[in-house]
Amino acid sequence: MSPPPSRRVGRPRAQTRPTSGLEPREEVLAAAAELFTTGGYTATSTRAVAERAGLRQASLYHWFAGKEEILATLLEGTVRPSLDIAQGLVARAGASPEARLWALCRSDVALLCGGPHNLGELYLLPEVRLERFAEFHRVRDQLKSAYGELLAATGPGAALGAADLSCRTDLLFGLTESVILIRRADPGRDAQALAEATADAALRVVGVEPQQLARFADEGRGLLGRA
């Protein structure tokens, strides 16, 4: 009598996705990023995400507890790389704070606009106010604090009182994240050109004179090139 056929080990896919080279967990995140930004977060089910990733729905729960955890992971992924760069720039005391701030703004915008999907739009979801997303807000607040620290170290920033410094930090951070709406209105906008224009505008918000912009921008590009 022949032995019974062995059962397949692992989590079978529900359908075939084009070869991407991604691990299943990353496939889920890529699928969710696409569906959340095109079809809407509320309208997207975990079943739809799993099917788009080429997985069975039960397999998705091996990596994520549910849709909120997927969204939280996507959101945190939009700010953690910028925070890493920001902390490195804050610590680089040998460079001018104006150039470091320019570099932070440029890199932050490039990261927000660099992926295939405008994940920054997800910041506007009412669900993001829930306690489940506290870690995203904590990391984002740390990033904003780095903007404020660099601003306070600039020549114009050093002359500001606490209230004005807080207001100017809000303006800087809001300027950077405004590219989310620009990208939504004009998806084809050149991301690198937008990043440089935003960084220049950030220094003008700080109070840097126009004739100094080119020097700080050149220094800032050098900092990013050595990052």
C-alpha atoms as a PDB file:
ATOM      1  CA  MET A   1       0.000   0.000   0.000  1.00  0.00           C
ATOM      2  CA  SER A   2       1.490   3.332  -1.040  1.00  0.00           C
ATOM      3  CA  PRO A   3       2.089   5.931   1.668  1.00  0.00           C
ATOM      4  CA  PRO A   4      -0.334   8.883   1.836  1.00  0.00           C
ATOM      5  CA  PRO A   5       0.827  11.989   0.044  1.00  0.00           C
ATOM      6  CA  SER A   6       2.675  14.411   2.308  1.00  0.00           C
ATOM      7  CA  ARG A   7       0.999  17.678   3.168  1.00  0.00           C
ATOM      8  CA  ARG A   8       2.602  20.828   1.846  1.00  0.00           C
ATOM      9  CA  VAL A   9       4.414  22.800   4.484  1.00  0.00           C
ATOM     10  CA  GLY A  10       3.907  26.525   4.751  1.00  0.00           C
ATOM     11  CA  ARG A  11       1.191  28.987   3.916  1.00  0.00           C
ATOM     12  CA  PRO A  12      -0.017  28.582   0.352  1.00  0.00           C
ATOM     13  CA  ARG A  13      -0.777  31.582  -1.769  1.00  0.00           C
ATOM     14  CA  ALA A  14      -4.318  32.239  -2.874  1.00  0.00           C
ATOM     15  CA  GLN A  15      -3.218  33.486  -6.261  1.00  0.00           C
ATOM     16  CA  THR A  16      -0.084  34.316  -8.156  1.00  0.00           C
ATOM     17  CA  ARG A  17       1.333  37.829  -7.951  1.00  0.00           C
ATOM     18  CA  PRO A  18       3.909  39.110 -10.405  1.00  0.00           C
ATOM     19  CA  THR A  19       7.377  38.302  -9.153  1.00  0.00           C
ATOM     20  CA  SER A  20       8.466  41.162  -6.910  1.00  0.00           C
ATOM     21  CA  GLY A  21      11.224  39.600  -4.862  1.00  0.00           C
ATOM     22  CA  LEU A  22       9.464  40.708  -1.669  1.00  0.00           C
ATOM     23  CA  GLU A  23       8.996  38.558   1.384  1.00  0.00           C
ATOM     24  CA  PRO A  24       5.337  37.781   2.190  1.00  0.00           C
ATOM     25  CA  ARG A  25       5.181  40.352   5.004  1.00  0.00           C
ATOM     26  CA  GLU A  26       6.476  43.041   2.650  1.00  0.00           C
ATOM     27  CA  GLU A  27       4.031  41.848  -0.012  1.00  0.00           C
ATOM     28  CA  VAL A  28       1.211  42.527   2.442  1.00  0.00           C
ATOM     29  CA  LEU A  29       2.497  46.038   3.187  1.00  0.00           C
ATOM     30  CA  ALA A  30       2.921  46.811  -0.517  1.00  0.00           C
ATOM     31  CA  ALA A  31      -0.580  45.564  -1.278  1.00  0.00           C
ATOM     32  CA  ALA A  32      -2.068  47.539   1.626  1.00  0.00           C
ATOM     33  CA  ALA A  33      -0.235  50.707   0.592  1.00  0.00           C
ATOM     34  CA  GLU A  34      -1.726  50.413  -2.870  1.00  0.00           C
ATOM     35  CA  LEU A  35      -5.259  49.617  -1.748  1.00  0.00           C
ATOM     36  CA  PHE A  36      -5.415  52.076   1.163  1.00  0.00           C
ATOM     37  CA  THR A  37      -4.322  54.969  -1.072  1.00  0.00           C
ATOM     38  CA  THR A  38      -6.418  54.083  -4.107  1.00  0.00           C
ATOM     39  CA  GLY A  39      -9.567  52.449  -2.764  1.00  0.00           C
ATOM     40  CA  GLY A  40      -9.579  53.953   0.718  1.00  0.00           C
ATOM     41  CA  TYR A  41      -8.700  52.502   4.105  1.00  0.00           C
ATOM     42  CA  THR A  42     -12.266  51.977   5.296  1.00  0.00           C
ATOM     43  CA  ALA A  43     -13.338  50.302   2.072  1.00  0.00           C
ATOM     44  CA  THR A  44     -10.381  47.895   2.042  1.00  0.00           C
ATOM     45  CA  SER A  45     -10.742  44.585   3.858  1.00  0.00           C
ATOM     46  CA  THR A  46      -7.974  42.313   5.056  1.00  0.00           C
ATOM     47  CA  ARG A  47      -9.279  39.777   2.546  1.00  0.00           C
ATOM     48  CA  ALA A  48      -8.703  42.268  -0.269  1.00  0.00           C
ATOM     49  CA  VAL A  49      -5.181  42.981   0.994  1.00  0.00           C
ATOM     50  CA  ALA A  50      -4.392  39.269   1.223  1.00  0.00           C
ATOM     51  CA  GLU A  51      -5.716  38.587  -2.260  1.00  0.00           C
ATOM     52  CA  ARG A  52      -3.740  41.499  -3.707  1.00  0.00           C
ATOM     53  CA  ALA A  53      -0.633  40.127  -1.987  1.00  0.00           C
ATOM     54  CA  GLY A  54      -1.324  36.671  -3.402  1.00  0.00           C
ATOM     55  CA  LEU A  55      -1.962  35.123   0.023  1.00  0.00           C
ATOM     56  CA  ARG A  56      -4.825  33.433   1.805  1.00  0.00           C
ATOM     57  CA  GLN A  57      -6.512  35.683   4.337  1.00  0.00           C
ATOM     58  CA  ALA A  58      -5.545  33.350   7.178  1.00  0.00           C
ATOM     59  CA  SER A  59      -1.901  33.680   6.140  1.00  0.00           C
ATOM     60  CA  LEU A  60      -2.010  37.462   6.502  1.00  0.00           C
ATOM     61  CA  TYR A  61      -2.726  37.072  10.222  1.00  0.00           C
ATOM     62  CA  HIS A  62       0.594  35.292  10.628  1.00  0.00           C
ATOM     63  CA  TRP A  63       2.291  38.682  10.188  1.00  0.00           C
ATOM     64  CA  PHE A  64      -0.361  41.205  11.252  1.00  0.00           C
ATOM     65  CA  ALA A  65      -3.139  41.060  13.831  1.00  0.00           C
ATOM     66  CA  GLY A  66      -5.437  43.043  11.577  1.00  0.00           C
ATOM     67  CA  LYS A  67      -5.912  46.082   9.382  1.00  0.00           C
ATOM     68  CA  GLU A  68      -5.014  48.594  12.108  1.00  0.00           C
ATOM     69  CA  GLU A  69      -1.626  46.975  12.647  1.00  0.00           C
ATOM     70  CA  ILE A  70      -0.933  47.100   8.920  1.00  0.00           C
ATOM     71  CA  LEU A  71      -1.843  50.793   8.838  1.00  0.00           C
ATOM     72  CA  ALA A  72       0.281  51.515  11.915  1.00  0.00           C
ATOM     73  CA  THR A  73       3.271  49.808  10.297  1.00  0.00           C
ATOM     74  CA  LEU A  74       2.850  51.812   7.102  1.00  0.00           C
ATOM     75  CA  LEU A  75       2.532  55.087   9.009  1.00  0.00           C
ATOM     76  CA  GLU A  76       5.576  54.460  11.176  1.00  0.00           C
ATOM     77  CA  GLY A  77       7.519  53.584   8.041  1.00  0.00           C
ATOM     78  CA  THR A  78       6.942  57.104   6.718  1.00  0.00           C
ATOM     79  CA  VAL A  79       8.573  58.802   9.714  1.00  0.00           C
ATOM     80  CA  ARG A  80      11.220  56.496  11.169  1.00  0.00           C
ATOM     81  CA  PRO A  81      13.713  56.907   8.284  1.00  0.00           C
ATOM     82  CA  SER A  82      13.363  60.696   8.531  1.00  0.00           C
ATOM     83  CA  LEU A  83      13.867  60.575  12.302  1.00  0.00           C
ATOM     84  CA  ASP A  84      17.068  58.562  11.833  1.00  0.00           C
ATOM     85  CA  ILE A  85      18.366  61.191   9.397  1.00  0.00           C
ATOM     86  CA  ALA A  86      17.228  64.025  11.684  1.00  0.00           C
ATOM     87  CA  GLN A  87      19.030  62.612  14.696  1.00  0.00           C
ATOM     88  CA  GLY A  88      22.191  62.234  12.662  1.00  0.00           C
ATOM     89  CA  LEU A  89      21.979  65.833  11.458  1.00  0.00           C
ATOM     90  CA  VAL A  90      21.292  67.193  14.955  1.00  0.00           C
ATOM     91  CA  ALA A  91      24.414  65.405  16.187  1.00  0.00           C
ATOM     92  CA  ARG A  92      26.599  66.759  13.359  1.00  0.00           C
ATOM     93  CA  ALA A  93      27.686  69.870  15.229  1.00  0.00           C
ATOM     94  CA  GLY A  94      30.483  70.744  12.816  1.00  0.00           C
ATOM     95  CA  ALA A  95      28.062  71.877  10.104  1.00  0.00           C
ATOM     96  CA  SER A  96      25.969  75.038  10.145  1.00  0.00           C
ATOM     97  CA  PRO A  97      22.469  74.504  11.597  1.00  0.00           C
ATOM     98  CA  GLU A  98      20.973  76.228   8.545  1.00  0.00           C
ATOM     99  CA  ALA A  99      22.554  73.652   6.227  1.00  0.00           C
ATOM    100  CA  ARG A 100      21.516  70.804   8.506  1.00  0.00           C
ATOM    101  CA  LEU A 101      17.933  72.084   8.552  1.00  0.00           C
ATOM    102  CA  TRP A 102      17.956  72.413   4.760  1.00  0.00           C
ATOM    103  CA  ALA A 103      19.232  68.839   4.485  1.00  0.00           C
ATOM    104  CA  LEU A 104      16.556  67.550   6.852  1.00  0.00           C
ATOM    105  CA  CYS A 105      13.742  69.255   4.942  1.00  0.00           C
ATOM    106  CA  ARG A 106      15.046  68.040   1.606  1.00  0.00           C
ATOM    107  CA  SER A 107      15.481  64.443   2.738  1.00  0.00           C
ATOM    108  CA  ASP A 108      12.129  64.402   4.529  1.00  0.00           C
ATOM    109  CA  VAL A 109      10.274  65.621   1.435  1.00  0.00           C
ATOM    110  CA  ALA A 110      12.171  63.186  -0.783  1.00  0.00           C
ATOM    111  CA  LEU A 111      11.127  60.323   1.496  1.00  0.00           C
ATOM    112  CA  LEU A 112       7.490  61.452   1.601  1.00  0.00           C
ATOM    113  CA  CYS A 113       7.385  61.681  -2.176  1.00  0.00           C
ATOM    114  CA  GLY A 114       9.714  58.829  -3.043  1.00  0.00           C
ATOM    115  CA  GLY A 115       7.480  55.763  -2.857  1.00  0.00           C
ATOM    116  CA  PRO A 116       5.021  54.525  -5.448  1.00  0.00           C
ATOM    117  CA  HIS A 117       2.069  55.514  -3.238  1.00  0.00           C
ATOM    118  CA  ASN A 118       1.306  58.747  -1.384  1.00  0.00           C
ATOM    119  CA  LEU A 119       1.262  57.220   2.099  1.00  0.00           C
ATOM    120  CA  GLY A 120       1.241  60.646   3.716  1.00  0.00           C
ATOM    121  CA  GLU A 121      -2.439  60.874   2.757  1.00  0.00           C
ATOM    122  CA  LEU A 122      -3.083  58.286   5.441  1.00  0.00           C
ATOM    123  CA  TYR A 123      -2.140  60.878   8.096  1.00  0.00           C
ATOM    124  CA  LEU A 124      -5.526  62.488   7.438  1.00  0.00           C
ATOM    125  CA  LEU A 125      -7.574  59.410   8.292  1.00  0.00           C
ATOM    126  CA  PRO A 126      -9.799  59.918  11.365  1.00  0.00           C
ATOM    127  CA  GLU A 127      -8.748  56.462  12.586  1.00  0.00           C
ATOM    128  CA  VAL A 128      -5.183  57.718  13.040  1.00  0.00           C
ATOM    129  CA  ARG A 129      -6.313  59.695  16.086  1.00  0.00           C
ATOM    130  CA  LEU A 130      -6.942  56.443  17.958  1.00  0.00           C
ATOM    131  CA  GLU A 131      -4.652  55.265  20.768  1.00  0.00           C
ATOM    132  CA  ARG A 132      -3.592  52.337  18.564  1.00  0.00           C
ATOM    133  CA  PHE A 133      -1.463  54.783  16.580  1.00  0.00           C
ATOM    134  CA  ALA A 134       0.272  56.376  19.569  1.00  0.00           C
ATOM    135  CA  GLU A 135       3.680  55.063  18.486  1.00  0.00           C
ATOM    136  CA  PHE A 136       3.363  56.769  15.097  1.00  0.00           C
ATOM    137  CA  HIS A 137       2.532  60.055  16.830  1.00  0.00           C
ATOM    138  CA  ARG A 138       5.414  59.610  19.269  1.00  0.00           C
ATOM    139  CA  VAL A 139       7.941  59.134  16.480  1.00  0.00           C
ATOM    140  CA  ARG A 140       6.433  61.986  14.460  1.00  0.00           C
ATOM    141  CA  ASP A 141       6.673  64.278  17.501  1.00  0.00           C
ATOM    142  CA  GLN A 142      10.344  63.346  17.886  1.00  0.00           C
ATOM    143  CA  LEU A 143      10.912  64.274  14.249  1.00  0.00           C
ATOM    144  CA  LYS A 144       9.178  67.606  14.763  1.00  0.00           C
ATOM    145  CA  SER A 145      11.333  68.249  17.835  1.00  0.00           C
ATOM    146  CA  ALA A 146      14.454  67.730  15.709  1.00  0.00           C
ATOM    147  CA  TYR A 147      13.188  70.442  13.345  1.00  0.00           C
ATOM    148  CA  GLY A 148      12.736  72.717  16.335  1.00  0.00           C
ATOM    149  CA  GLU A 149      16.187  71.966  17.716  1.00  0.00           C
ATOM    150  CA  LEU A 150      17.884  72.775  14.423  1.00  0.00           C
ATOM    151  CA  LEU A 151      15.754  75.888  13.981  1.00  0.00           C
ATOM    152  CA  ALA A 152      16.699  77.152  17.452  1.00  0.00           C
ATOM    153  CA  ALA A 153      20.384  76.742  16.576  1.00  0.00           C
ATOM    154  CA  THR A 154      20.198  78.938  13.459  1.00  0.00           C
ATOM    155  CA  GLY A 155      21.085  82.607  13.598  1.00  0.00           C
ATOM    156  CA  PRO A 156      17.513  83.856  13.135  1.00  0.00           C
ATOM    157  CA  GLY A 157      16.080  81.077  15.311  1.00  0.00           C
ATOM    158  CA  ALA A 158      18.358  81.908  18.239  1.00  0.00           C
ATOM    159  CA  ALA A 159      16.730  85.347  18.442  1.00  0.00           C
ATOM    160  CA  LEU A 160      13.201  83.951  18.819  1.00  0.00           C
ATOM    161  CA  GLY A 161      11.338  83.678  22.077  1.00  0.00           C
ATOM    162  CA  ALA A 162       9.829  80.379  23.144  1.00  0.00           C
ATOM    163  CA  ALA A 163       6.359  81.113  21.723  1.00  0.00           C
ATOM    164  CA  ASP A 164       7.716  82.346  18.385  1.00  0.00           C
ATOM    165  CA  LEU A 165      10.092  79.397  18.167  1.00  0.00           C
ATOM    166  CA  SER A 166       7.218  76.961  18.720  1.00  0.00           C
ATOM    167  CA  CYS A 167       5.106  78.718  16.079  1.00  0.00           C
ATOM    168  CA  ARG A 168       7.967  78.767  13.563  1.00  0.00           C
ATOM    169  CA  THR A 169       8.619  75.058  14.191  1.00  0.00           C
ATOM    170  CA  ASP A 170       4.959  74.315  13.460  1.00  0.00           C
ATOM    171  CA  LEU A 171       5.233  76.301  10.228  1.00  0.00           C
ATOM    172  CA  LEU A 172       8.386  74.450   9.172  1.00  0.00           C
ATOM    173  CA  PHE A 173       6.944  71.038   9.880  1.00  0.00           C
ATOM    174  CA  GLY A 174       3.673  71.946   8.199  1.00  0.00           C
ATOM    175  CA  LEU A 175       5.544  73.205   5.143  1.00  0.00           C
ATOM    176  CA  THR A 176       7.369  69.908   4.811  1.00  0.00           C
ATOM    177  CA  GLU A 177       4.227  67.812   5.148  1.00  0.00           C
ATOM    178  CA  SER A 178       2.313  70.070   2.744  1.00  0.00           C
ATOM    179  CA  VAL A 179       3.979  68.134  -0.064  1.00  0.00           C
ATOM    180  CA  ILE A 180       1.530  65.323   0.731  1.00  0.00           C
ATOM    181  CA  LEU A 181      -1.313  67.483  -0.592  1.00  0.00           C
ATOM    182  CA  ILE A 182       0.781  68.776  -3.488  1.00  0.00           C
ATOM    183  CA  ARG A 183       1.532  65.219  -4.535  1.00  0.00           C
ATOM    184  CA  ARG A 184      -2.143  64.271  -4.278  1.00  0.00           C
ATOM    185  CA  ALA A 185      -3.112  67.160  -6.569  1.00  0.00           C
ATOM    186  CA  ASP A 186      -0.207  66.607  -8.966  1.00  0.00           C
ATOM    187  CA  PRO A 187       1.103  63.018  -8.771  1.00  0.00           C
ATOM    188  CA  GLY A 188       3.534  63.623 -11.613  1.00  0.00           C
ATOM    189  CA  ARG A 189       5.410  66.451  -9.895  1.00  0.00           C
ATOM    190  CA  ASP A 190       9.175  65.954  -9.897  1.00  0.00           C
ATOM    191  CA  ALA A 191       9.965  64.793  -6.359  1.00  0.00           C
ATOM    192  CA  GLN A 192      13.574  65.968  -6.264  1.00  0.00           C
ATOM    193  CA  ALA A 193      12.739  69.441  -7.547  1.00  0.00           C
ATOM    194  CA  LEU A 194       9.929  69.690  -5.013  1.00  0.00           C
ATOM    195  CA  ALA A 195      12.265  68.565  -2.228  1.00  0.00           C
ATOM    196  CA  GLU A 196      14.831  71.256  -3.034  1.00  0.00           C
ATOM    197  CA  ALA A 197      12.213  73.982  -3.429  1.00  0.00           C
ATOM    198  CA  THR A 198      10.670  73.053  -0.077  1.00  0.00           C
ATOM    199  CA  ALA A 199      14.057  73.076   1.654  1.00  0.00           C
ATOM    200  CA  ASP A 200      14.787  76.533   0.218  1.00  0.00           C
ATOM    201  CA  ALA A 201      11.375  77.758   1.367  1.00  0.00           C
ATOM    202  CA  ALA A 202      12.012  76.317   4.829  1.00  0.00           C
ATOM    203  CA  LEU A 203      15.102  78.468   5.272  1.00  0.00           C
ATOM    204  CA  ARG A 204      13.131  81.509   4.167  1.00  0.00           C
ATOM    205  CA  VAL A 205      10.539  80.700   6.860  1.00  0.00           C
ATOM    206  CA  VAL A 206      13.422  80.548   9.346  1.00  0.00           C
ATOM    207  CA  GLY A 207      14.533  84.032   8.285  1.00  0.00           C
ATOM    208  CA  VAL A 208      17.617  83.234   6.198  1.00  0.00           C
ATOM    209  CA  GLU A 209      18.405  85.975   3.679  1.00  0.00           C
ATOM    210  CA  PRO A 210      17.899  85.046  -0.005  1.00  0.00           C
ATOM    211  CA  GLN A 211      21.557  85.667  -0.880  1.00  0.00           C
ATOM    212  CA  GLN A 212      22.601  83.029   1.675  1.00  0.00           C
ATOM    213  CA  LEU A 213      20.342  80.247   0.399  1.00  0.00           C
ATOM    214  CA  ALA A 214      22.686  78.875  -2.271  1.00  0.00           C
ATOM    215  CA  ARG A 215      25.553  78.521   0.208  1.00  0.00           C
ATOM    216  CA  PHE A 216      23.483  76.664   2.791  1.00  0.00           C
ATOM    217  CA  ALA A 217      21.871  74.496   0.110  1.00  0.00           C
ATOM    218  CA  ASP A 218      25.280  73.472  -1.231  1.00  0.00           C
ATOM    219  CA  GLU A 219      26.450  72.642   2.275  1.00  0.00           C
ATOM    220  CA  GLY A 220      23.243  70.724   2.919  1.00  0.00           C
ATOM    221  CA  ARG A 221      23.676  68.618  -0.236  1.00  0.00           C
ATOM    222  CA  GLY A 222      27.152  67.780   0.934  1.00  0.00           C
ATOM    223  CA  LEU A 223      25.809  66.600   4.283  1.00  0.00           C
ATOM    224  CA  LEU A 224      23.311  64.320   2.578  1.00  0.00           C
ATOM    225  CA  GLY A 225      26.003  62.996   0.282  1.00  0.00           C
ATOM    226  CA  ARG A 226      28.077  61.985   3.296  1.00  0.00           C
ATOM    227  CA  ALA A 227      25.119  60.526   5.242  1.00  0.00           C
END
